[in-house]
């Protein structure tokens, strides 16, 4: 989370830092630019999602520890001069259902009047994190079909 003075507008900071900053990732294929900013929900390098520029920014990251869950990070708009206490973190544990997790994220982001334009992105980010934390099931064994199935059936009858 970048430090900036309340005397400087966020638009000016974006214009100065949009081509070079610590979070910027260039991809030569297709000219796409990504961002590693923890307060960027889509990881797309744009003014709307840039957390280090906006006074109000939202980030969703996996919760610390092995148990899973999601941590919602919001940026306090009135603490621009205090970078250490600028982030407000809310951890939603893995013991809550996914539906309650999404409802909590949506209400903290949009319904409280924080940044309603980021509600869908925050919920989809929380969904992707929760999906990555579920253990994967083993794939069922493939059954032979067609000619292979007939051959296997005939071989079983001969034995």
C-alpha atoms as a PDB file:
ATOM      1  CA  UNK A   1       0.000   0.000   0.000  1.00  0.00           C
ATOM      2  CA  UNK A   2       1.605   3.140  -1.230  1.00  0.00           C
ATOM      3  CA  UNK A   3       2.007   6.261   0.774  1.00  0.00           C
ATOM      4  CA  UNK A   4       0.720   9.451  -0.750  1.00  0.00           C
ATOM      5  CA  UNK A   5      -0.117  12.862   0.578  1.00  0.00           C
ATOM      6  CA  UNK A   6      -3.672  14.067   0.874  1.00  0.00           C
ATOM      7  CA  UNK A   7      -2.467  17.163  -1.018  1.00  0.00           C
ATOM      8  CA  UNK A   8      -2.036  15.172  -4.237  1.00  0.00           C
ATOM      9  CA  UNK A   9      -5.005  13.821  -6.176  1.00  0.00           C
ATOM     10  CA  UNK A  10      -5.321  10.134  -6.970  1.00  0.00           C
ATOM     11  CA  UNK A  11      -5.577  10.951 -10.680  1.00  0.00           C
ATOM     12  CA  UNK A  12      -2.189  12.668 -10.628  1.00  0.00           C
ATOM     13  CA  UNK A  13      -0.625   9.705  -8.815  1.00  0.00           C
ATOM     14  CA  UNK A  14      -2.083   7.352 -11.440  1.00  0.00           C
ATOM     15  CA  UNK A  15      -0.785   9.456 -14.340  1.00  0.00           C
ATOM     16  CA  UNK A  16       2.711   9.499 -12.850  1.00  0.00           C
ATOM     17  CA  UNK A  17       2.922   5.832 -11.843  1.00  0.00           C
ATOM     18  CA  UNK A  18       0.838   4.025 -14.456  1.00  0.00           C
ATOM     19  CA  UNK A  19       3.775   3.165 -16.719  1.00  0.00           C
ATOM     20  CA  UNK A  20       6.229   2.268 -13.955  1.00  0.00           C
ATOM     21  CA  UNK A  21       5.429   0.966 -10.498  1.00  0.00           C
ATOM     22  CA  UNK A  22       6.395  -1.977  -8.327  1.00  0.00           C
ATOM     23  CA  UNK A  23       3.147  -3.876  -8.972  1.00  0.00           C
ATOM     24  CA  UNK A  24       3.200  -3.686 -12.785  1.00  0.00           C
ATOM     25  CA  UNK A  25       3.778  -6.885 -14.788  1.00  0.00           C
ATOM     26  CA  UNK A  26       4.371  -6.628 -18.549  1.00  0.00           C
ATOM     27  CA  UNK A  27       3.430  -9.515 -20.827  1.00  0.00           C
ATOM     28  CA  UNK A  28       4.969  -9.341 -24.292  1.00  0.00           C
ATOM     29  CA  UNK A  29       2.311 -11.623 -25.797  1.00  0.00           C
ATOM     30  CA  UNK A  30      -0.650  -9.436 -26.712  1.00  0.00           C
ATOM     31  CA  UNK A  31       0.587  -6.386 -24.817  1.00  0.00           C
ATOM     32  CA  UNK A  32      -1.477  -7.203 -21.731  1.00  0.00           C
ATOM     33  CA  UNK A  33      -0.473  -5.525 -18.472  1.00  0.00           C
ATOM     34  CA  UNK A  34      -1.185  -7.137 -15.123  1.00  0.00           C
ATOM     35  CA  UNK A  35      -0.830  -5.950 -11.544  1.00  0.00           C
ATOM     36  CA  UNK A  36       0.408  -7.739  -8.426  1.00  0.00           C
ATOM     37  CA  UNK A  37      -1.257  -5.214  -6.126  1.00  0.00           C
ATOM     38  CA  UNK A  38      -2.906  -7.046  -3.180  1.00  0.00           C
ATOM     39  CA  UNK A  39      -5.777  -4.545  -3.326  1.00  0.00           C
ATOM     40  CA  UNK A  40      -6.457  -5.267  -7.012  1.00  0.00           C
ATOM     41  CA  UNK A  41      -9.336  -7.721  -7.407  1.00  0.00           C
ATOM     42  CA  UNK A  42      -8.895  -8.590 -11.079  1.00  0.00           C
ATOM     43  CA  UNK A  43      -5.090  -8.270 -11.380  1.00  0.00           C
ATOM     44  CA  UNK A  44      -5.650  -6.081 -14.449  1.00  0.00           C
ATOM     45  CA  UNK A  45      -3.545  -2.931 -14.545  1.00  0.00           C
ATOM     46  CA  UNK A  46      -6.187  -0.182 -14.710  1.00  0.00           C
ATOM     47  CA  UNK A  47      -7.132   2.946 -12.795  1.00  0.00           C
ATOM     48  CA  UNK A  48     -10.390   1.469 -11.508  1.00  0.00           C
ATOM     49  CA  UNK A  49      -8.766  -1.513  -9.787  1.00  0.00           C
ATOM     50  CA  UNK A  50      -5.449   0.057  -8.708  1.00  0.00           C
ATOM     51  CA  UNK A  51      -5.443  -0.225  -4.926  1.00  0.00           C
ATOM     52  CA  UNK A  52      -2.340   1.870  -4.344  1.00  0.00           C
ATOM     53  CA  UNK A  53      -3.979   4.861  -6.054  1.00  0.00           C
ATOM     54  CA  UNK A  54      -7.591   4.815  -4.896  1.00  0.00           C
ATOM     55  CA  UNK A  55      -8.525   6.173  -1.483  1.00  0.00           C
ATOM     56  CA  UNK A  56     -11.021   3.323  -1.145  1.00  0.00           C
ATOM     57  CA  UNK A  57      -9.750  -0.044  -2.329  1.00  0.00           C
ATOM     58  CA  UNK A  58     -10.770  -3.669  -1.740  1.00  0.00           C
ATOM     59  CA  UNK A  59      -8.692  -6.834  -1.758  1.00  0.00           C
ATOM     60  CA  UNK A  60      -9.608 -10.476  -1.192  1.00  0.00           C
ATOM     61  CA  UNK A  61      -6.765 -12.854  -0.304  1.00  0.00           C
ATOM     62  CA  UNK A  62      -6.581 -16.373   1.163  1.00  0.00           C
ATOM     63  CA  UNK A  63      -6.615 -16.445   4.952  1.00  0.00           C
ATOM     64  CA  UNK A  64      -3.349 -17.187   6.687  1.00  0.00           C
ATOM     65  CA  UNK A  65      -2.845 -20.694   7.992  1.00  0.00           C
ATOM     66  CA  UNK A  66      -3.734 -24.180   6.829  1.00  0.00           C
ATOM     67  CA  UNK A  67      -7.428 -24.080   7.649  1.00  0.00           C
ATOM     68  CA  UNK A  68      -8.505 -22.027   4.647  1.00  0.00           C
ATOM     69  CA  UNK A  69     -10.910 -19.159   4.460  1.00  0.00           C
ATOM     70  CA  UNK A  70     -10.788 -15.679   3.004  1.00  0.00           C
ATOM     71  CA  UNK A  71      -9.473 -12.346   4.253  1.00  0.00           C
ATOM     72  CA  UNK A  72     -11.200  -9.184   3.053  1.00  0.00           C
ATOM     73  CA  UNK A  73      -8.926  -6.133   3.063  1.00  0.00           C
ATOM     74  CA  UNK A  74     -10.361  -2.635   2.818  1.00  0.00           C
ATOM     75  CA  UNK A  75      -8.397   0.573   2.744  1.00  0.00           C
ATOM     76  CA  UNK A  76      -9.319   3.326   5.173  1.00  0.00           C
ATOM     77  CA  UNK A  77      -9.772   6.554   3.275  1.00  0.00           C
ATOM     78  CA  UNK A  78      -9.000   8.857   6.208  1.00  0.00           C
ATOM     79  CA  UNK A  79      -5.575   7.391   7.093  1.00  0.00           C
ATOM     80  CA  UNK A  80      -3.504   8.437   4.072  1.00  0.00           C
ATOM     81  CA  UNK A  81      -0.775   9.778   6.371  1.00  0.00           C
ATOM     82  CA  UNK A  82      -0.599   6.534   8.413  1.00  0.00           C
ATOM     83  CA  UNK A  83       0.317   3.649   6.087  1.00  0.00           C
ATOM     84  CA  UNK A  84       0.760   1.136   8.934  1.00  0.00           C
ATOM     85  CA  UNK A  85      -2.860   1.440  10.060  1.00  0.00           C
ATOM     86  CA  UNK A  86      -4.332   1.974   6.609  1.00  0.00           C
ATOM     87  CA  UNK A  87      -5.711  -1.533   6.049  1.00  0.00           C
ATOM     88  CA  UNK A  88      -8.789  -2.991   7.718  1.00  0.00           C
ATOM     89  CA  UNK A  89      -8.765  -6.807   7.607  1.00  0.00           C
ATOM     90  CA  UNK A  90     -11.761  -9.086   8.125  1.00  0.00           C
ATOM     91  CA  UNK A  91     -11.110 -12.828   8.142  1.00  0.00           C
ATOM     92  CA  UNK A  92     -13.930 -15.170   7.184  1.00  0.00           C
ATOM     93  CA  UNK A  93     -13.046 -18.697   8.259  1.00  0.00           C
ATOM     94  CA  UNK A  94     -13.440 -21.892   6.300  1.00  0.00           C
ATOM     95  CA  UNK A  95     -16.004 -23.132   8.818  1.00  0.00           C
ATOM     96  CA  UNK A  96     -18.583 -20.720   7.339  1.00  0.00           C
ATOM     97  CA  UNK A  97     -20.565 -21.864   4.343  1.00  0.00           C
ATOM     98  CA  UNK A  98     -19.568 -20.433   0.991  1.00  0.00           C
ATOM     99  CA  UNK A  99     -22.914 -18.703   0.652  1.00  0.00           C
ATOM    100  CA  UNK A 100     -22.411 -16.866   3.945  1.00  0.00           C
ATOM    101  CA  UNK A 101     -18.873 -15.980   2.892  1.00  0.00           C
ATOM    102  CA  UNK A 102     -20.089 -14.424  -0.357  1.00  0.00           C
ATOM    103  CA  UNK A 103     -22.894 -12.584   1.444  1.00  0.00           C
ATOM    104  CA  UNK A 104     -20.430 -11.144   3.966  1.00  0.00           C
ATOM    105  CA  UNK A 105     -18.035 -10.023   1.233  1.00  0.00           C
ATOM    106  CA  UNK A 106     -20.854  -8.439  -0.785  1.00  0.00           C
ATOM    107  CA  UNK A 107     -22.305  -6.625   2.212  1.00  0.00           C
ATOM    108  CA  UNK A 108     -18.938  -5.270   3.365  1.00  0.00           C
ATOM    109  CA  UNK A 109     -18.027  -4.074  -0.124  1.00  0.00           C
ATOM    110  CA  UNK A 110     -21.291  -2.763  -1.546  1.00  0.00           C
ATOM    111  CA  UNK A 111     -24.142  -2.547   0.928  1.00  0.00           C
ATOM    112  CA  UNK A 112     -22.252  -0.422   3.421  1.00  0.00           C
ATOM    113  CA  UNK A 113     -21.616   2.109   0.646  1.00  0.00           C
ATOM    114  CA  UNK A 114     -17.896   1.423   0.353  1.00  0.00           C
ATOM    115  CA  UNK A 115     -17.314   0.548  -3.336  1.00  0.00           C
ATOM    116  CA  UNK A 116     -20.449  -0.884  -4.918  1.00  0.00           C
ATOM    117  CA  UNK A 117     -18.764  -1.102  -8.336  1.00  0.00           C
ATOM    118  CA  UNK A 118     -16.383  -3.773  -7.024  1.00  0.00           C
ATOM    119  CA  UNK A 119     -18.994  -6.107  -5.506  1.00  0.00           C
ATOM    120  CA  UNK A 120     -19.113  -8.657  -8.341  1.00  0.00           C
ATOM    121  CA  UNK A 121     -15.320  -8.781  -8.652  1.00  0.00           C
ATOM    122  CA  UNK A 122     -14.867  -9.235  -4.897  1.00  0.00           C
ATOM    123  CA  UNK A 123     -17.395 -12.073  -4.738  1.00  0.00           C
ATOM    124  CA  UNK A 124     -15.883 -13.828  -7.758  1.00  0.00           C
ATOM    125  CA  UNK A 125     -12.393 -13.521  -6.235  1.00  0.00           C
ATOM    126  CA  UNK A 126     -13.651 -14.985  -2.946  1.00  0.00           C
ATOM    127  CA  UNK A 127     -15.345 -17.771  -4.907  1.00  0.00           C
ATOM    128  CA  UNK A 128     -12.142 -18.632  -6.769  1.00  0.00           C
ATOM    129  CA  UNK A 129     -10.163 -18.713  -3.523  1.00  0.00           C
ATOM    130  CA  UNK A 130     -12.712 -20.933  -1.780  1.00  0.00           C
ATOM    131  CA  UNK A 131     -12.837 -23.274  -4.792  1.00  0.00           C
ATOM    132  CA  UNK A 132      -9.044 -23.595  -4.763  1.00  0.00           C
ATOM    133  CA  UNK A 133      -9.166 -24.561  -1.080  1.00  0.00           C
ATOM    134  CA  UNK A 134     -11.527 -27.515  -1.534  1.00  0.00           C
ATOM    135  CA  UNK A 135      -9.811 -30.882  -1.925  1.00  0.00           C
ATOM    136  CA  UNK A 136     -10.044 -32.372  -5.392  1.00  0.00           C
ATOM    137  CA  UNK A 137     -11.950 -35.620  -5.879  1.00  0.00           C
ATOM    138  CA  UNK A 138     -10.381 -38.504  -7.765  1.00  0.00           C
ATOM    139  CA  UNK A 139     -11.696 -38.961 -11.277  1.00  0.00           C
ATOM    140  CA  UNK A 140     -13.786 -42.093 -11.807  1.00  0.00           C
ATOM    141  CA  UNK A 141     -12.232 -44.870 -13.832  1.00  0.00           C
ATOM    142  CA  UNK A 142     -13.045 -44.562 -17.518  1.00  0.00           C
ATOM    143  CA  UNK A 143     -15.294 -47.252 -18.932  1.00  0.00           C
ATOM    144  CA  UNK A 144     -14.580 -48.744 -22.323  1.00  0.00           C
ATOM    145  CA  UNK A 145     -17.213 -48.021 -24.930  1.00  0.00           C
ATOM    146  CA  UNK A 146     -17.912 -49.299 -28.415  1.00  0.00           C
ATOM    147  CA  UNK A 147     -15.543 -51.904 -29.886  1.00  0.00           C
ATOM    148  CA  UNK A 148     -13.292 -51.965 -26.816  1.00  0.00           C
ATOM    149  CA  UNK A 149     -16.249 -52.732 -24.561  1.00  0.00           C
ATOM    150  CA  UNK A 150     -17.379 -55.589 -26.824  1.00  0.00           C
ATOM    151  CA  UNK A 151     -13.860 -57.077 -26.876  1.00  0.00           C
ATOM    152  CA  UNK A 152     -13.601 -56.843 -23.096  1.00  0.00           C
ATOM    153  CA  UNK A 153     -17.024 -58.476 -22.747  1.00  0.00           C
ATOM    154  CA  UNK A 154     -16.033 -61.364 -25.049  1.00  0.00           C
ATOM    155  CA  UNK A 155     -12.758 -61.857 -23.171  1.00  0.00           C
ATOM    156  CA  UNK A 156     -14.651 -62.000 -19.880  1.00  0.00           C
ATOM    157  CA  UNK A 157     -17.088 -64.634 -21.288  1.00  0.00           C
ATOM    158  CA  UNK A 158     -14.240 -66.842 -22.553  1.00  0.00           C
ATOM    159  CA  UNK A 159     -12.625 -66.981 -19.127  1.00  0.00           C
END
